[in-house]
Amino acid sequence: MNVQLNRVRGSLLKLGGLALSVGVLANPVLFGQTKPAPFQPGERLTYDVSWSVFQAGTVASTLQRTLDGTKEKYTVVTTAHSQGFVSLLFNVDNEFRSVFNPQTLCSEKISKKIIEGRRRKETQIVFDAQRKLAILDERDLTRPHDPPKHAELEIPSCVEDVVAAFYYLRNQDIQVGKPLQVAVNDGSRTYDVTLDVQAQETIQTPLGQRAAIRVEPKVFSGLFKRKGRMLIWFSNDEQHLPLRIKFIIAVGPITATLKSVTHLAK
């Protein structure tokens, strides 16, 4: 049972980081586009997460406009909390902060505060585009006297973290039969992820019946360190909302379903 809970905990964390990443100026233009980007600062997406028949937790992701000196950045704050049966057995309380460039959509850094049972970690990955380096610093908070882990890895000039990648994908022309490509770095290596755009479907969500496009990233066993599949349903409209994210793994499906979209003060 502990092995299953560890796998569920890991998948819930990935849903918190990957599943929910979802700003532009009053007249936004990305990559020379004339149409607005499909997301706006202040957008907050809230998901219910289930494990098989059990309610496993909630994930919320909020896009904010921030300033670094005179430069505008976008920051996505994503939280993941276990609840119900899963929370009784294994508590999860995580927060990710992803910062990316609103013009290029390239990630600049991601920080993670992780509380999972007895596990306590703080991680930061800075993406230095000029030097083409990913700089990882990580502390185990249960061992405060240990030196922090530090590593540097060569990267392309533009990569995504697991949160910012969803902004990049939402801004793409998603068409059935036309694969998508994105470079994702997790601090240890860069994955050139191919996503198969598989089918148009109509799915039922708490937001009602929605037309969706099903996408499958072809990197599961590498990025997630276990066998299985991951499916994402984006709304088939200009917003490309991630309506549902599903991990299909041996211990049972883990599913995050979008239950609300709200717009906070910018």
C-alpha atoms as a PDB file:
ATOM      1  CA  MET A   1       0.000   0.000   0.000  1.00  0.00           C
ATOM      2  CA  ASN A   2       2.890   2.377   0.827  1.00  0.00           C
ATOM      3  CA  VAL A   3       4.352   1.807  -2.648  1.00  0.00           C
ATOM      4  CA  GLN A   4       1.005   2.684  -4.221  1.00  0.00           C
ATOM      5  CA  LEU A   5       0.683   5.814  -2.080  1.00  0.00           C
ATOM      6  CA  ASN A   6       4.189   6.936  -3.030  1.00  0.00           C
ATOM      7  CA  ARG A   7       3.302   6.551  -6.701  1.00  0.00           C
ATOM      8  CA  VAL A   8       0.042   8.454  -6.214  1.00  0.00           C
ATOM      9  CA  ARG A   9       1.888  11.153  -4.282  1.00  0.00           C
ATOM     10  CA  GLY A  10       4.409  11.492  -7.077  1.00  0.00           C
ATOM     11  CA  SER A  11       1.703  11.702  -9.709  1.00  0.00           C
ATOM     12  CA  LEU A  12      -0.247  14.290  -7.702  1.00  0.00           C
ATOM     13  CA  LEU A  13       2.923  16.377  -7.510  1.00  0.00           C
ATOM     14  CA  LYS A  14       3.420  16.128 -11.268  1.00  0.00           C
ATOM     15  CA  LEU A  15      -0.197  17.156 -11.809  1.00  0.00           C
ATOM     16  CA  GLY A  16       0.441  20.143  -9.603  1.00  0.00           C
ATOM     17  CA  GLY A  17       3.492  21.096 -11.574  1.00  0.00           C
ATOM     18  CA  LEU A  18       2.697  19.991 -15.064  1.00  0.00           C
ATOM     19  CA  ALA A  19      -0.996  19.825 -15.333  1.00  0.00           C
ATOM     20  CA  LEU A  20      -1.815  23.258 -14.331  1.00  0.00           C
ATOM     21  CA  SER A  21       0.042  25.972 -16.049  1.00  0.00           C
ATOM     22  CA  VAL A  22      -2.066  28.139 -17.558  1.00  0.00           C
ATOM     23  CA  GLY A  23      -0.984  37.078 -19.706  1.00  0.00           C
ATOM     24  CA  VAL A  24      -0.688  39.497 -21.919  1.00  0.00           C
ATOM     25  CA  LEU A  25      -0.891  43.320 -22.129  1.00  0.00           C
ATOM     26  CA  ALA A  26      -3.994  45.212 -23.105  1.00  0.00           C
ATOM     27  CA  ASN A  27      -3.048  44.689 -26.762  1.00  0.00           C
ATOM     28  CA  PRO A  28      -0.816  41.614 -26.516  1.00  0.00           C
ATOM     29  CA  VAL A  29       1.302  40.268 -29.355  1.00  0.00           C
ATOM     30  CA  LEU A  30       3.378  37.086 -29.076  1.00  0.00           C
ATOM     31  CA  PHE A  31       5.976  36.114 -31.682  1.00  0.00           C
ATOM     32  CA  GLY A  32       4.630  38.774 -34.040  1.00  0.00           C
ATOM     33  CA  GLN A  33       1.073  37.452 -33.813  1.00  0.00           C
ATOM     34  CA  THR A  34      -1.769  39.860 -34.465  1.00  0.00           C
ATOM     35  CA  LYS A  35      -4.270  37.906 -32.365  1.00  0.00           C
ATOM     36  CA  PRO A  36      -4.326  38.026 -28.538  1.00  0.00           C
ATOM     37  CA  ALA A  37      -2.719  35.223 -26.551  1.00  0.00           C
ATOM     38  CA  PRO A  38      -5.169  32.610 -25.211  1.00  0.00           C
ATOM     39  CA  PHE A  39      -4.507  33.525 -21.553  1.00  0.00           C
ATOM     40  CA  GLN A  40      -4.699  36.690 -19.476  1.00  0.00           C
ATOM     41  CA  PRO A  41      -3.038  37.752 -16.191  1.00  0.00           C
ATOM     42  CA  GLY A  42      -5.402  37.079 -13.301  1.00  0.00           C
ATOM     43  CA  GLU A  43      -6.641  33.798 -14.759  1.00  0.00           C
ATOM     44  CA  ARG A  44      -7.053  31.166 -12.043  1.00  0.00           C
ATOM     45  CA  LEU A  45      -7.726  27.535 -12.911  1.00  0.00           C
ATOM     46  CA  THR A  46      -8.884  25.118 -10.229  1.00  0.00           C
ATOM     47  CA  TYR A  47      -8.881  21.346 -10.628  1.00  0.00           C
ATOM     48  CA  ASP A  48     -10.227  18.350  -8.749  1.00  0.00           C
ATOM     49  CA  VAL A  49      -7.777  15.442  -8.671  1.00  0.00           C
ATOM     50  CA  SER A  50      -8.965  11.850  -8.326  1.00  0.00           C
ATOM     51  CA  TRP A  51      -7.171   8.530  -7.916  1.00  0.00           C
ATOM     52  CA  SER A  52      -9.342   5.741  -9.304  1.00  0.00           C
ATOM     53  CA  VAL A  53     -12.604   6.199  -7.327  1.00  0.00           C
ATOM     54  CA  PHE A  54     -11.048   8.312  -4.563  1.00  0.00           C
ATOM     55  CA  GLN A  55     -10.917  12.095  -4.318  1.00  0.00           C
ATOM     56  CA  ALA A  56      -7.160  12.722  -4.081  1.00  0.00           C
ATOM     57  CA  GLY A  57      -6.841  16.509  -3.833  1.00  0.00           C
ATOM     58  CA  THR A  58      -7.039  19.863  -5.526  1.00  0.00           C
ATOM     59  CA  VAL A  59      -4.691  21.852  -7.730  1.00  0.00           C
ATOM     60  CA  ALA A  60      -4.966  25.589  -8.414  1.00  0.00           C
ATOM     61  CA  SER A  61      -2.923  27.669 -10.839  1.00  0.00           C
ATOM     62  CA  THR A  62      -2.895  31.484 -10.997  1.00  0.00           C
ATOM     63  CA  LEU A  63      -1.200  33.594 -13.663  1.00  0.00           C
ATOM     64  CA  GLN A  64       0.211  36.924 -12.450  1.00  0.00           C
ATOM     65  CA  ARG A  65       1.944  39.878 -14.076  1.00  0.00           C
ATOM     66  CA  THR A  66       5.105  40.793 -12.149  1.00  0.00           C
ATOM     67  CA  LEU A  67       8.039  43.177 -12.575  1.00  0.00           C
ATOM     68  CA  ASP A  68      11.767  42.439 -12.390  1.00  0.00           C
ATOM     69  CA  GLY A  69      13.155  45.967 -12.322  1.00  0.00           C
ATOM     70  CA  THR A  70      11.633  47.481 -15.447  1.00  0.00           C
ATOM     71  CA  LYS A  71      11.094  44.148 -17.183  1.00  0.00           C
ATOM     72  CA  GLU A  72       7.693  42.557 -17.180  1.00  0.00           C
ATOM     73  CA  LYS A  73       7.494  38.874 -16.331  1.00  0.00           C
ATOM     74  CA  TYR A  74       4.699  36.363 -15.942  1.00  0.00           C
ATOM     75  CA  THR A  75       4.599  34.264 -12.798  1.00  0.00           C
ATOM     76  CA  VAL A  76       2.413  31.194 -12.406  1.00  0.00           C
ATOM     77  CA  VAL A  77       1.710  30.112  -8.829  1.00  0.00           C
ATOM     78  CA  THR A  78       0.544  26.496  -8.704  1.00  0.00           C
ATOM     79  CA  THR A  79      -0.474  24.733  -5.493  1.00  0.00           C
ATOM     80  CA  ALA A  80      -1.297  21.066  -4.945  1.00  0.00           C
ATOM     81  CA  HIS A  81      -3.013  19.780  -1.790  1.00  0.00           C
ATOM     82  CA  SER A  82      -4.081  16.252  -0.953  1.00  0.00           C
ATOM     83  CA  GLN A  83      -7.428  15.641   0.700  1.00  0.00           C
ATOM     84  CA  GLY A  84      -9.858  12.953   1.746  1.00  0.00           C
ATOM     85  CA  PHE A  85      -8.643   9.351   1.864  1.00  0.00           C
ATOM     86  CA  VAL A  86      -5.276  10.152   0.305  1.00  0.00           C
ATOM     87  CA  SER A  87      -4.612  13.013   2.719  1.00  0.00           C
ATOM     88  CA  LEU A  88      -5.275  10.762   5.715  1.00  0.00           C
ATOM     89  CA  LEU A  89      -2.614   8.353   4.496  1.00  0.00           C
ATOM     90  CA  PHE A  90      -0.107  10.728   2.920  1.00  0.00           C
ATOM     91  CA  ASN A  91      -0.238  14.516   3.179  1.00  0.00           C
ATOM     92  CA  VAL A  92       0.776  16.616   0.167  1.00  0.00           C
ATOM     93  CA  ASP A  93       1.157  20.417   0.331  1.00  0.00           C
ATOM     94  CA  ASN A  94       3.236  21.767  -2.559  1.00  0.00           C
ATOM     95  CA  GLU A  95       3.779  25.129  -4.257  1.00  0.00           C
ATOM     96  CA  PHE A  96       5.469  25.830  -7.592  1.00  0.00           C
ATOM     97  CA  ARG A  97       6.372  29.294  -8.902  1.00  0.00           C
ATOM     98  CA  SER A  98       7.242  29.466 -12.582  1.00  0.00           C
ATOM     99  CA  VAL A  99       8.547  32.678 -14.159  1.00  0.00           C
ATOM    100  CA  PHE A 100       8.613  33.070 -17.932  1.00  0.00           C
ATOM    101  CA  ASN A 101       9.119  35.757 -20.569  1.00  0.00           C
ATOM    102  CA  PRO A 102       5.744  37.012 -21.876  1.00  0.00           C
ATOM    103  CA  GLN A 103       7.162  37.730 -25.324  1.00  0.00           C
ATOM    104  CA  THR A 104       9.164  34.575 -26.035  1.00  0.00           C
ATOM    105  CA  LEU A 105       7.331  32.256 -23.591  1.00  0.00           C
ATOM    106  CA  CYS A 106      10.741  30.847 -22.580  1.00  0.00           C
ATOM    107  CA  SER A 107      11.062  29.854 -18.930  1.00  0.00           C
ATOM    108  CA  GLU A 108      13.404  31.923 -16.753  1.00  0.00           C
ATOM    109  CA  LYS A 109      13.149  30.021 -13.495  1.00  0.00           C
ATOM    110  CA  ILE A 110      10.990  27.728 -11.414  1.00  0.00           C
ATOM    111  CA  SER A 111      10.974  27.283  -7.634  1.00  0.00           C
ATOM    112  CA  LYS A 112       9.342  24.414  -5.766  1.00  0.00           C
ATOM    113  CA  LYS A 113       8.367  24.056  -2.114  1.00  0.00           C
ATOM    114  CA  ILE A 114       7.524  20.421  -1.480  1.00  0.00           C
ATOM    115  CA  ILE A 115       5.860  18.896   1.595  1.00  0.00           C
ATOM    116  CA  GLU A 116       4.987  15.233   1.119  1.00  0.00           C
ATOM    117  CA  GLY A 117       4.645  13.191   4.274  1.00  0.00           C
ATOM    118  CA  ARG A 118       8.054  13.463   5.926  1.00  0.00           C
ATOM    119  CA  ARG A 119       9.663  14.798   2.760  1.00  0.00           C
ATOM    120  CA  ARG A 120      10.541  18.515   2.837  1.00  0.00           C
ATOM    121  CA  LYS A 121      12.454  20.111  -0.036  1.00  0.00           C
ATOM    122  CA  GLU A 122      13.075  23.498  -1.615  1.00  0.00           C
ATOM    123  CA  THR A 123      14.286  23.542  -5.209  1.00  0.00           C
ATOM    124  CA  GLN A 124      15.106  26.361  -7.617  1.00  0.00           C
ATOM    125  CA  ILE A 125      16.109  26.026 -11.266  1.00  0.00           C
ATOM    126  CA  VAL A 126      17.313  29.178 -13.053  1.00  0.00           C
ATOM    127  CA  PHE A 127      17.500  29.116 -16.849  1.00  0.00           C
ATOM    128  CA  ASP A 128      20.326  31.376 -18.009  1.00  0.00           C
ATOM    129  CA  ALA A 129      19.609  31.893 -21.713  1.00  0.00           C
ATOM    130  CA  GLN A 130      22.813  33.873 -22.364  1.00  0.00           C
ATOM    131  CA  ARG A 131      25.118  31.213 -20.937  1.00  0.00           C
ATOM    132  CA  LYS A 132      22.782  28.387 -22.019  1.00  0.00           C
ATOM    133  CA  LEU A 133      22.758  26.852 -18.554  1.00  0.00           C
ATOM    134  CA  ALA A 134      20.155  25.416 -16.208  1.00  0.00           C
ATOM    135  CA  ILE A 135      21.349  26.124 -12.641  1.00  0.00           C
ATOM    136  CA  LEU A 136      19.854  23.849  -9.975  1.00  0.00           C
ATOM    137  CA  ASP A 137      19.956  24.537  -6.229  1.00  0.00           C
ATOM    138  CA  GLU A 138      18.125  22.206  -3.855  1.00  0.00           C
ATOM    139  CA  ARG A 139      17.857  21.909  -0.072  1.00  0.00           C
ATOM    140  CA  ASP A 140      16.569  18.991   1.984  1.00  0.00           C
ATOM    141  CA  LEU A 141      14.773  20.765   4.842  1.00  0.00           C
ATOM    142  CA  THR A 142      14.754  17.607   6.979  1.00  0.00           C
ATOM    143  CA  ARG A 143      18.578  17.744   6.992  1.00  0.00           C
ATOM    144  CA  PRO A 144      19.313  21.443   7.566  1.00  0.00           C
ATOM    145  CA  HIS A 145      23.018  20.896   8.220  1.00  0.00           C
ATOM    146  CA  ASP A 146      23.662  19.206   4.875  1.00  0.00           C
ATOM    147  CA  PRO A 147      25.094  21.415   2.100  1.00  0.00           C
ATOM    148  CA  PRO A 148      22.582  22.232  -0.653  1.00  0.00           C
ATOM    149  CA  LYS A 149      22.783  20.358  -3.918  1.00  0.00           C
ATOM    150  CA  HIS A 150      24.114  22.456  -6.793  1.00  0.00           C
ATOM    151  CA  ALA A 151      24.327  21.466 -10.447  1.00  0.00           C
ATOM    152  CA  GLU A 152      24.698  23.189 -13.813  1.00  0.00           C
ATOM    153  CA  LEU A 153      23.527  21.721 -17.100  1.00  0.00           C
ATOM    154  CA  GLU A 154      23.870  22.907 -20.686  1.00  0.00           C
ATOM    155  CA  ILE A 155      20.550  23.800 -22.316  1.00  0.00           C
ATOM    156  CA  PRO A 156      19.256  25.339 -25.554  1.00  0.00           C
ATOM    157  CA  SER A 157      18.726  29.107 -25.516  1.00  0.00           C
ATOM    158  CA  CYS A 158      14.991  28.565 -24.902  1.00  0.00           C
ATOM    159  CA  VAL A 159      13.474  25.820 -22.736  1.00  0.00           C
ATOM    160  CA  GLU A 160      10.277  25.352 -20.734  1.00  0.00           C
ATOM    161  CA  ASP A 161       9.807  24.150 -17.207  1.00  0.00           C
ATOM    162  CA  VAL A 162       6.938  21.748 -16.507  1.00  0.00           C
ATOM    163  CA  VAL A 163       4.566  24.642 -15.742  1.00  0.00           C
ATOM    164  CA  ALA A 164       5.514  27.171 -18.439  1.00  0.00           C
ATOM    165  CA  ALA A 165       5.265  24.407 -21.052  1.00  0.00           C
ATOM    166  CA  PHE A 166       1.485  24.598 -20.874  1.00  0.00           C
ATOM    167  CA  TYR A 167       1.498  28.293 -21.779  1.00  0.00           C
ATOM    168  CA  TYR A 168       3.622  27.491 -24.783  1.00  0.00           C
ATOM    169  CA  LEU A 169       1.258  24.696 -25.832  1.00  0.00           C
ATOM    170  CA  ARG A 170      -1.859  26.810 -25.340  1.00  0.00           C
ATOM    171  CA  ASN A 171      -0.389  29.348 -27.740  1.00  0.00           C
ATOM    172  CA  GLN A 172       0.139  26.762 -30.505  1.00  0.00           C
ATOM    173  CA  ASP A 173      -2.086  25.923 -33.461  1.00  0.00           C
ATOM    174  CA  ILE A 174      -3.406  22.599 -32.170  1.00  0.00           C
ATOM    175  CA  GLN A 175      -4.648  20.476 -35.072  1.00  0.00           C
ATOM    176  CA  VAL A 176      -5.399  16.762 -35.185  1.00  0.00           C
ATOM    177  CA  GLY A 177      -2.612  14.875 -36.929  1.00  0.00           C
ATOM    178  CA  LYS A 178      -0.101  17.742 -36.566  1.00  0.00           C
ATOM    179  CA  PRO A 179       2.478  16.863 -33.834  1.00  0.00           C
ATOM    180  CA  LEU A 180       3.695  19.535 -31.432  1.00  0.00           C
ATOM    181  CA  GLN A 181       7.251  19.916 -30.131  1.00  0.00           C
ATOM    182  CA  VAL A 182       8.510  21.500 -26.909  1.00  0.00           C
ATOM    183  CA  ALA A 183      11.830  21.395 -25.017  1.00  0.00           C
ATOM    184  CA  VAL A 184      11.258  20.796 -21.273  1.00  0.00           C
ATOM    185  CA  ASN A 185      13.984  20.879 -18.623  1.00  0.00           C
ATOM    186  CA  ASP A 186      13.569  19.397 -15.126  1.00  0.00           C
ATOM    187  CA  GLY A 187      16.979  20.403 -13.744  1.00  0.00           C
ATOM    188  CA  SER A 188      18.679  17.143 -14.635  1.00  0.00           C
ATOM    189  CA  ARG A 189      18.228  17.013 -18.423  1.00  0.00           C
ATOM    190  CA  THR A 190      16.357  18.578 -21.328  1.00  0.00           C
ATOM    191  CA  TYR A 191      13.614  16.499 -22.955  1.00  0.00           C
ATOM    192  CA  ASP A 192      12.628  17.190 -26.554  1.00  0.00           C
ATOM    193  CA  VAL A 193       8.971  16.307 -26.116  1.00  0.00           C
ATOM    194  CA  THR A 194       6.810  15.313 -29.064  1.00  0.00           C
ATOM    195  CA  LEU A 195       3.067  15.508 -28.485  1.00  0.00           C
ATOM    196  CA  ASP A 196       0.716  13.531 -30.689  1.00  0.00           C
ATOM    197  CA  VAL A 197      -2.471  15.484 -31.428  1.00  0.00           C
ATOM    198  CA  GLN A 198      -4.774  12.503 -31.633  1.00  0.00           C
ATOM    199  CA  ALA A 199      -8.467  13.336 -31.907  1.00  0.00           C
ATOM    200  CA  GLN A 200     -11.338  15.757 -31.451  1.00  0.00           C
ATOM    201  CA  GLU A 201     -13.708  14.636 -28.701  1.00  0.00           C
ATOM    202  CA  THR A 202     -16.614  15.955 -26.669  1.00  0.00           C
ATOM    203  CA  ILE A 203     -16.067  15.506 -22.922  1.00  0.00           C
ATOM    204  CA  GLN A 204     -18.201  16.182 -19.865  1.00  0.00           C
ATOM    205  CA  THR A 205     -16.654  18.500 -17.252  1.00  0.00           C
ATOM    206  CA  PRO A 206     -17.934  20.507 -14.263  1.00  0.00           C
ATOM    207  CA  LEU A 207     -17.982  23.435 -16.722  1.00  0.00           C
ATOM    208  CA  GLY A 208     -20.431  21.517 -18.921  1.00  0.00           C
ATOM    209  CA  GLN A 209     -20.025  19.582 -22.114  1.00  0.00           C
ATOM    210  CA  ARG A 210     -16.968  20.860 -23.987  1.00  0.00           C
ATOM    211  CA  ALA A 211     -15.399  20.233 -27.381  1.00  0.00           C
ATOM    212  CA  ALA A 212     -11.803  19.129 -26.821  1.00  0.00           C
ATOM    213  CA  ILE A 213      -8.657  17.979 -28.604  1.00  0.00           C
ATOM    214  CA  ARG A 214      -6.833  15.010 -27.075  1.00  0.00           C
ATOM    215  CA  VAL A 215      -3.024  15.250 -26.947  1.00  0.00           C
ATOM    216  CA  GLU A 216      -0.473  12.683 -25.718  1.00  0.00           C
ATOM    217  CA  PRO A 217       3.134  13.604 -24.791  1.00  0.00           C
ATOM    218  CA  LYS A 218       5.577  10.884 -25.885  1.00  0.00           C
ATOM    219  CA  VAL A 219       8.055  11.174 -23.011  1.00  0.00           C
ATOM    220  CA  PHE A 220       6.234   9.651 -20.047  1.00  0.00           C
ATOM    221  CA  SER A 221       8.792   7.039 -18.984  1.00  0.00           C
ATOM    222  CA  GLY A 222      11.618   9.595 -19.148  1.00  0.00           C
ATOM    223  CA  LEU A 223      10.156  12.689 -17.546  1.00  0.00           C
ATOM    224  CA  PHE A 224       7.998  10.831 -15.019  1.00  0.00           C
ATOM    225  CA  LYS A 225      10.342   7.911 -14.242  1.00  0.00           C
ATOM    226  CA  ARG A 226       7.654   5.209 -14.496  1.00  0.00           C
ATOM    227  CA  LYS A 227       5.753   3.267 -17.095  1.00  0.00           C
ATOM    228  CA  GLY A 228       2.410   4.594 -18.233  1.00  0.00           C
ATOM    229  CA  ARG A 229       0.719   7.192 -20.385  1.00  0.00           C
ATOM    230  CA  MET A 230      -0.376  10.787 -20.041  1.00  0.00           C
ATOM    231  CA  LEU A 231      -3.303  12.336 -21.899  1.00  0.00           C
ATOM    232  CA  ILE A 232      -4.306  16.010 -22.035  1.00  0.00           C
ATOM    233  CA  TRP A 233      -7.596  17.381 -23.339  1.00  0.00           C
ATOM    234  CA  PHE A 234      -7.352  21.023 -24.473  1.00  0.00           C
ATOM    235  CA  SER A 235     -10.530  22.962 -25.175  1.00  0.00           C
ATOM    236  CA  ASN A 236     -11.153  23.214 -28.909  1.00  0.00           C
ATOM    237  CA  ASP A 237     -11.420  27.010 -28.944  1.00  0.00           C
ATOM    238  CA  GLU A 238      -9.161  30.072 -28.799  1.00  0.00           C
ATOM    239  CA  GLN A 239      -8.387  29.604 -25.082  1.00  0.00           C
ATOM    240  CA  HIS A 240      -7.035  26.053 -25.353  1.00  0.00           C
ATOM    241  CA  LEU A 241      -7.824  25.441 -21.684  1.00  0.00           C
ATOM    242  CA  PRO A 242      -6.374  22.218 -20.256  1.00  0.00           C
ATOM    243  CA  LEU A 243      -9.761  20.678 -19.408  1.00  0.00           C
ATOM    244  CA  ARG A 244      -8.461  17.319 -18.227  1.00  0.00           C
ATOM    245  CA  ILE A 245      -5.081  15.712 -17.556  1.00  0.00           C
ATOM    246  CA  LYS A 246      -4.914  11.968 -16.987  1.00  0.00           C
ATOM    247  CA  PHE A 247      -2.077   9.693 -15.917  1.00  0.00           C
ATOM    248  CA  ILE A 248      -2.663   6.028 -16.736  1.00  0.00           C
ATOM    249  CA  ILE A 249      -0.346   4.034 -14.447  1.00  0.00           C
ATOM    250  CA  ALA A 250      -0.263   0.614 -12.810  1.00  0.00           C
ATOM    251  CA  VAL A 251      -1.845   1.675  -9.490  1.00  0.00           C
ATOM    252  CA  GLY A 252      -4.858   3.226 -11.232  1.00  0.00           C
ATOM    253  CA  PRO A 253      -5.662   6.371 -13.183  1.00  0.00           C
ATOM    254  CA  ILE A 254      -4.857   9.801 -11.704  1.00  0.00           C
ATOM    255  CA  THR A 255      -7.069  12.488 -13.246  1.00  0.00           C
ATOM    256  CA  ALA A 256      -7.171  16.273 -12.849  1.00  0.00           C
ATOM    257  CA  THR A 257     -10.409  17.842 -14.108  1.00  0.00           C
ATOM    258  CA  LEU A 258     -10.910  21.579 -14.517  1.00  0.00           C
ATOM    259  CA  LYS A 259     -13.797  22.650 -12.282  1.00  0.00           C
ATOM    260  CA  SER A 260     -13.595  26.443 -12.408  1.00  0.00           C
ATOM    261  CA  VAL A 261     -12.043  29.365 -14.277  1.00  0.00           C
ATOM    262  CA  THR A 262     -11.994  32.691 -12.454  1.00  0.00           C
ATOM    263  CA  HIS A 263     -10.364  36.041 -13.217  1.00  0.00           C
ATOM    264  CA  LEU A 264      -8.704  37.842 -10.328  1.00  0.00           C
ATOM    265  CA  ALA A 265      -7.583  41.454 -10.161  1.00  0.00           C
ATOM    266  CA  LYS A 266      -4.491  41.916 -12.352  1.00  0.00           C
END
